[in-house]
Every structure is written in C-alpha cells, then in structure tokens.
N, C-alpha and C. Protein backbone atom coordinates (compact mmCIF):
# COMPACT_ATOMS: atom_id res chain seq x y z
N MET A 1 0.81 -1.14 -0.09
CA MET A 1 0.10 0.00 0.14
C MET A 1 0.85 1.16 -0.01
N ALA A 2 1.95 1.29 0.75
CA ALA A 2 2.70 2.42 0.95
C ALA A 2 3.50 2.70 -0.38
N GLU A 3 3.93 1.57 -1.24
CA GLU A 3 4.48 1.90 -2.41
C GLU A 3 3.46 2.33 -3.28
N ALA A 4 2.25 2.08 -3.33
CA ALA A 4 1.24 2.51 -4.35
C ALA A 4 1.01 4.01 -4.12
N MET A 5 1.08 4.69 -2.90
CA MET A 5 0.78 5.84 -2.61
C MET A 5 2.06 6.77 -2.41
N SER A 6 3.22 6.20 -2.35
CA SER A 6 4.58 6.87 -1.92
C SER A 6 5.15 7.92 -2.79
N LYS A 7 6.37 7.94 -2.51
CA LYS A 7 7.19 9.07 -2.85
C LYS A 7 7.01 9.85 -4.24
N GLY A 8 6.67 8.91 -5.34
CA GLY A 8 6.58 9.48 -6.46
C GLY A 8 4.96 9.97 -6.87
N SER A 9 4.12 9.99 -5.72
CA SER A 9 3.00 10.36 -5.97
C SER A 9 2.84 11.82 -6.55
N GLU A 10 2.12 11.95 -7.75
CA GLU A 10 2.01 13.25 -8.39
C GLU A 10 0.75 13.96 -7.76
N THR A 11 -0.20 13.28 -7.42
CA THR A 11 -1.38 14.02 -6.78
C THR A 11 -1.14 14.54 -5.41
N LYS A 12 -1.09 15.74 -5.34
CA LYS A 12 -1.04 16.41 -4.04
C LYS A 12 -2.27 16.80 -3.44
N SER A 13 -2.93 15.93 -2.95
CA SER A 13 -4.26 16.20 -2.33
C SER A 13 -4.54 15.86 -0.87
N CYS A 14 -5.41 16.48 -0.26
CA CYS A 14 -5.73 16.31 1.19
C CYS A 14 -6.26 14.94 1.30
N ALA A 15 -5.82 14.13 2.18
CA ALA A 15 -6.47 12.86 2.49
C ALA A 15 -7.72 12.98 3.13
N ASN A 16 -7.86 13.93 3.99
CA ASN A 16 -9.16 14.11 4.78
C ASN A 16 -10.20 14.58 3.90
N CYS A 17 -9.97 15.46 2.97
CA CYS A 17 -10.87 15.80 2.08
C CYS A 17 -11.34 14.89 1.14
N ALA A 18 -10.33 13.90 0.62
CA ALA A 18 -10.63 12.96 -0.24
C ALA A 18 -11.40 11.75 0.49
N TYR A 19 -11.21 11.76 1.75
CA TYR A 19 -11.94 10.75 2.55
C TYR A 19 -13.39 11.05 2.82
N TYR A 20 -13.75 12.19 3.01
CA TYR A 20 -15.08 12.65 3.03
C TYR A 20 -15.67 13.21 1.74
N ARG A 21 -15.01 12.98 0.76
CA ARG A 21 -15.31 13.36 -0.78
C ARG A 21 -15.68 14.82 -0.66
N TRP A 22 -14.90 15.73 0.03
CA TRP A 22 -15.07 17.11 0.08
C TRP A 22 -14.34 17.61 -1.18
N LYS A 23 -14.68 18.77 -1.66
CA LYS A 23 -14.04 19.42 -2.80
C LYS A 23 -12.45 19.85 -2.40
N GLN A 24 -11.46 19.39 -3.12
CA GLN A 24 -10.21 19.92 -2.84
C GLN A 24 -9.85 21.34 -3.26
N SER A 25 -8.98 21.68 -2.35
CA SER A 25 -8.54 23.25 -2.50
C SER A 25 -7.82 23.27 -3.74
N VAL A 26 -8.12 24.40 -4.49
CA VAL A 26 -7.31 24.75 -5.89
C VAL A 26 -5.95 25.14 -5.52
N ASP A 27 -5.72 25.79 -4.25
CA ASP A 27 -4.33 26.19 -3.99
C ASP A 27 -3.73 24.98 -3.30
N ARG A 28 -2.62 24.21 -4.04
CA ARG A 28 -1.93 23.08 -3.67
C ARG A 28 -0.71 23.54 -2.92
N THR A 29 -0.48 24.81 -2.63
CA THR A 29 0.80 25.17 -2.01
C THR A 29 0.70 24.98 -0.44
N THR A 30 -0.38 24.95 -0.01
CA THR A 30 -0.64 24.70 1.32
C THR A 30 -0.52 23.28 1.99
N ILE A 31 -0.42 22.30 0.97
CA ILE A 31 -0.55 20.77 1.17
C ILE A 31 0.89 20.36 1.88
N LYS A 32 0.51 19.83 3.20
CA LYS A 32 1.71 19.52 3.97
C LYS A 32 1.56 17.85 4.04
N GLN A 33 2.77 17.19 4.25
CA GLN A 33 2.66 15.69 4.53
C GLN A 33 2.90 15.27 5.84
N CYS A 34 2.35 14.16 6.23
CA CYS A 34 2.53 13.61 7.61
C CYS A 34 3.94 13.50 7.87
N ALA A 35 4.38 13.94 9.12
CA ALA A 35 5.88 13.98 9.30
C ALA A 35 6.37 12.55 9.63
N LYS A 36 5.46 11.64 10.01
CA LYS A 36 6.00 10.31 10.44
C LYS A 36 6.20 9.48 9.18
N CYS A 37 4.88 9.11 8.48
CA CYS A 37 4.99 8.34 7.30
C CYS A 37 5.52 8.89 6.00
N LYS A 38 5.34 10.38 5.87
CA LYS A 38 5.71 10.95 4.85
C LYS A 38 4.86 10.76 3.50
N ILE A 39 3.71 10.02 3.57
CA ILE A 39 3.00 9.48 2.52
C ILE A 39 1.45 10.33 2.37
N ILE A 40 0.89 10.44 3.61
CA ILE A 40 -0.30 11.15 3.49
C ILE A 40 -0.34 12.58 3.65
N ARG A 41 -1.17 13.28 2.93
CA ARG A 41 -1.08 14.81 2.77
C ARG A 41 -2.22 15.58 3.22
N TYR A 42 -2.22 16.60 3.77
CA TYR A 42 -3.26 17.59 4.42
C TYR A 42 -3.30 18.93 3.96
N CYS A 43 -4.40 19.54 3.72
CA CYS A 43 -4.54 20.95 3.21
C CYS A 43 -4.50 21.89 4.51
N SER A 44 -4.76 21.53 5.63
CA SER A 44 -4.93 22.23 6.74
C SER A 44 -4.64 21.52 8.04
N PRO A 45 -4.07 22.09 9.25
CA PRO A 45 -3.86 21.47 10.44
C PRO A 45 -5.38 20.94 10.83
N GLN A 46 -6.39 21.51 10.49
CA GLN A 46 -7.73 20.93 11.08
C GLN A 46 -7.96 19.59 10.39
N CYS A 47 -7.71 19.55 9.17
CA CYS A 47 -7.95 18.30 8.31
C CYS A 47 -6.97 17.16 8.74
N GLN A 48 -5.68 17.58 9.09
CA GLN A 48 -4.75 16.68 9.72
C GLN A 48 -5.19 16.10 10.95
N LYS A 49 -5.89 16.96 11.92
CA LYS A 49 -6.05 16.51 13.25
C LYS A 49 -7.40 15.64 12.97
N GLU A 50 -8.35 15.96 12.31
CA GLU A 50 -9.56 15.27 11.94
C GLU A 50 -9.22 13.82 11.56
N HIS A 51 -8.44 13.71 10.35
CA HIS A 51 -7.92 12.53 9.80
C HIS A 51 -7.23 11.75 10.74
N TRP A 52 -6.42 12.41 11.55
CA TRP A 52 -5.62 11.56 12.44
C TRP A 52 -6.54 10.67 13.57
N PHE A 53 -7.49 11.42 14.12
CA PHE A 53 -8.38 10.75 15.13
C PHE A 53 -9.32 9.75 14.54
N ASN A 54 -9.77 9.94 13.20
CA ASN A 54 -10.79 9.19 12.71
C ASN A 54 -10.28 7.87 11.75
N VAL A 55 -9.00 8.24 11.31
CA VAL A 55 -8.34 7.20 10.29
C VAL A 55 -6.85 6.92 10.44
N HIS A 56 -6.26 7.94 10.28
CA HIS A 56 -4.61 7.83 10.02
C HIS A 56 -3.90 7.22 11.22
N LYS A 57 -4.46 7.51 12.45
CA LYS A 57 -3.61 6.97 13.49
C LYS A 57 -3.62 5.42 13.71
N TYR A 58 -4.50 4.86 12.96
CA TYR A 58 -4.55 3.39 12.83
C TYR A 58 -3.48 2.82 11.73
N HIS A 59 -3.07 3.68 10.69
CA HIS A 59 -2.30 3.27 9.59
C HIS A 59 -1.02 3.76 9.59
N CYS A 60 -0.71 4.97 10.16
CA CYS A 60 0.53 5.61 10.13
C CYS A 60 1.66 4.73 10.28
N LYS A 61 1.68 4.09 11.47
CA LYS A 61 3.04 3.27 11.96
C LYS A 61 3.24 2.25 10.83
N TYR A 62 2.24 1.64 10.14
CA TYR A 62 2.45 0.74 9.21
C TYR A 62 2.84 1.26 7.83
N LEU A 63 2.34 2.35 7.45
CA LEU A 63 2.95 3.33 6.18
C LEU A 63 4.33 3.74 6.36
N ALA A 64 4.79 3.83 7.64
CA ALA A 64 6.04 4.34 7.95
C ALA A 64 6.96 3.30 8.23
N LYS A 65 6.56 2.05 8.08
CA LYS A 65 7.32 0.75 8.27
C LYS A 65 7.92 0.75 9.62
N LEU A 66 7.17 1.28 10.52
CA LEU A 66 7.76 1.05 12.04
C LEU A 66 7.22 0.05 12.65
N LYS A 67 6.10 -0.68 12.03
CA LYS A 67 5.53 -1.84 12.57
C LYS A 67 4.89 -2.72 11.43
N VAL A 68 5.03 -3.97 11.70
CA VAL A 68 4.50 -4.99 10.69
C VAL A 68 3.15 -5.61 11.10
N LEU A 69 2.33 -5.97 10.37
CA LEU A 69 1.10 -6.48 10.83
C LEU A 69 1.42 -7.79 11.07
N PRO A 70 0.96 -8.62 12.03
CA PRO A 70 1.10 -10.08 12.12
C PRO A 70 0.42 -10.77 11.08
N HIS A 71 1.17 -11.88 10.39
CA HIS A 71 0.82 -12.76 9.43
C HIS A 71 0.66 -11.81 8.03
N SER A 72 1.39 -10.62 8.04
CA SER A 72 1.39 -10.10 6.59
C SER A 72 2.61 -10.41 5.80
N VAL A 73 3.51 -11.15 6.26
CA VAL A 73 4.66 -11.62 5.64
C VAL A 73 4.18 -12.96 5.08
N HIS A 74 4.47 -13.01 3.94
CA HIS A 74 4.08 -14.26 3.12
C HIS A 74 5.00 -15.50 3.44
N ASP A 75 4.38 -16.70 3.84
CA ASP A 75 5.05 -17.81 4.19
C ASP A 75 4.38 -18.92 3.41
N GLU A 76 5.20 -19.41 2.53
CA GLU A 76 4.86 -20.49 1.58
C GLU A 76 4.32 -21.64 2.25
N ALA A 77 4.90 -21.89 3.60
CA ALA A 77 4.62 -23.14 4.19
C ALA A 77 3.12 -23.22 4.79
N THR A 78 2.51 -21.98 5.05
CA THR A 78 1.18 -21.77 5.53
C THR A 78 0.16 -21.15 4.44
N CYS A 79 0.60 -20.73 3.44
CA CYS A 79 -0.18 -20.08 2.44
C CYS A 79 -1.19 -21.24 1.57
N SER A 80 -2.42 -20.99 1.64
CA SER A 80 -3.12 -22.10 1.07
C SER A 80 -2.96 -22.12 -0.49
N ASP A 81 -2.77 -20.99 -1.13
CA ASP A 81 -2.61 -20.82 -2.49
C ASP A 81 -1.25 -21.48 -2.93
N CYS A 82 -0.19 -21.52 -2.19
CA CYS A 82 1.03 -22.08 -2.42
C CYS A 82 0.95 -23.62 -2.28
N LYS A 83 0.13 -23.93 -1.36
CA LYS A 83 -0.09 -25.49 -1.05
C LYS A 83 -0.74 -26.05 -2.36
N THR A 84 -1.93 -25.39 -2.75
CA THR A 84 -2.65 -25.82 -3.89
C THR A 84 -1.77 -25.95 -5.10
N GLU A 85 -0.91 -24.67 -5.28
CA GLU A 85 -0.01 -24.80 -6.53
C GLU A 85 0.91 -26.02 -6.45
N ALA A 86 1.53 -26.13 -5.29
CA ALA A 86 2.44 -27.27 -5.24
C ALA A 86 1.91 -28.73 -5.30
N GLU A 87 0.60 -28.91 -4.80
CA GLU A 87 -0.16 -30.19 -5.18
C GLU A 87 -0.55 -30.34 -6.56
N THR A 88 -0.73 -29.24 -7.37
CA THR A 88 -1.16 -29.31 -8.77
C THR A 88 0.13 -29.62 -9.47
N GLY A 89 1.26 -29.08 -9.22
CA GLY A 89 2.49 -29.67 -9.95
C GLY A 89 2.77 -28.54 -11.08
N ARG A 90 4.10 -28.42 -11.32
CA ARG A 90 4.45 -27.51 -12.26
C ARG A 90 3.93 -27.73 -13.86
N VAL A 91 4.05 -28.85 -14.19
CA VAL A 91 3.40 -29.31 -15.48
C VAL A 91 1.91 -28.88 -15.55
N GLU A 92 1.12 -29.30 -14.72
CA GLU A 92 -0.26 -28.80 -14.69
C GLU A 92 -0.58 -27.32 -14.69
N MET A 93 0.20 -26.67 -13.80
CA MET A 93 0.09 -25.23 -13.62
C MET A 93 0.45 -24.42 -14.96
N CYS A 94 1.19 -25.00 -15.94
CA CYS A 94 1.61 -24.41 -17.18
C CYS A 94 0.46 -24.74 -18.19
N LYS A 95 -0.41 -25.53 -17.94
CA LYS A 95 -1.42 -25.84 -19.03
C LYS A 95 -2.24 -24.68 -19.11
N PRO A 96 -2.84 -24.24 -20.27
CA PRO A 96 -3.61 -23.05 -20.29
C PRO A 96 -5.13 -23.38 -19.77
N ASP A 97 -5.64 -24.62 -19.66
CA ASP A 97 -6.84 -25.03 -19.19
C ASP A 97 -6.91 -25.40 -17.75
N ASN A 98 -5.73 -25.12 -16.92
CA ASN A 98 -5.64 -25.18 -15.58
C ASN A 98 -6.36 -24.27 -14.67
N PRO A 99 -7.43 -24.85 -13.87
CA PRO A 99 -8.28 -23.82 -13.15
C PRO A 99 -7.40 -23.29 -12.00
N VAL A 100 -6.33 -23.84 -11.40
CA VAL A 100 -5.61 -23.12 -10.45
C VAL A 100 -4.78 -21.90 -10.72
N LEU A 101 -5.01 -20.95 -10.14
CA LEU A 101 -4.46 -19.53 -10.52
C LEU A 101 -2.98 -19.67 -9.87
N GLY A 102 -2.75 -20.19 -8.78
CA GLY A 102 -1.57 -20.12 -8.21
C GLY A 102 -1.39 -18.98 -7.21
N CYS A 103 -0.48 -18.82 -6.44
CA CYS A 103 -0.30 -17.69 -5.32
C CYS A 103 0.22 -16.23 -6.08
N PRO A 104 -0.64 -15.42 -5.58
CA PRO A 104 -0.30 -13.98 -6.36
C PRO A 104 0.83 -13.38 -5.46
N LEU A 105 1.15 -13.96 -4.30
CA LEU A 105 2.32 -13.30 -3.45
C LEU A 105 3.64 -14.13 -3.77
N LYS A 106 3.52 -15.22 -4.31
CA LYS A 106 4.97 -15.86 -4.55
C LYS A 106 5.87 -15.14 -5.50
N ASN A 107 7.19 -14.95 -5.10
CA ASN A 107 8.12 -14.37 -6.04
C ASN A 107 8.60 -15.36 -7.02
C-alpha cells in the first residue's frame, strides 16, 4: 500500500478531504505531508487533526514501516494458494486450461 501511494505520487491532495469526498482546494501550495509516514497529505491542520483521530492513527505506523502486521509476511509453508499450487504440480500449472491460478504473492 505504501508503495502505491508513496514518494513519486504526483497527486498532492488532502487525504481528509478525499476521505469525506469534499472539494479539494485549488491552492495546492498549502499541502503538507505527515511527518512520520511522509505519505499522507493534508490541506490544513484541522484536516490533519480530524483525519488522525478518525483514520490515520491506525495506519501511520504501518505506512512508515515502523511496525509490521502479524501474518502480513508471506509464508509459503502456511499459504493455502502455495499449497494448492504445489499439489497441482508445475506441469499442470503451465497448461492453459488449468483452473488453479497459483499464489499471487509468490516471488
């Protein structure tokens, strides 16, 4: 998630205004970013405070990569998709009519 929204993000818009579907300010010079995660942006201190209490305080530590959610790291030994893929076998996985999609998280 952080990579999708991160550093190269061209859209400088207020996360709180976007969350509530409010009209974004035309003046983008006042947009400031969260000091911790450096991903989420706000148009005013009021929007930052409101968004923090309602939404961002639950996500900031993960976006800043200061904390990792339990079970968020891919483990092939416990992944049901990886197990199904292994049971199906490489030859069957390569067939075009194969109904097994395989694990989307596997490298």
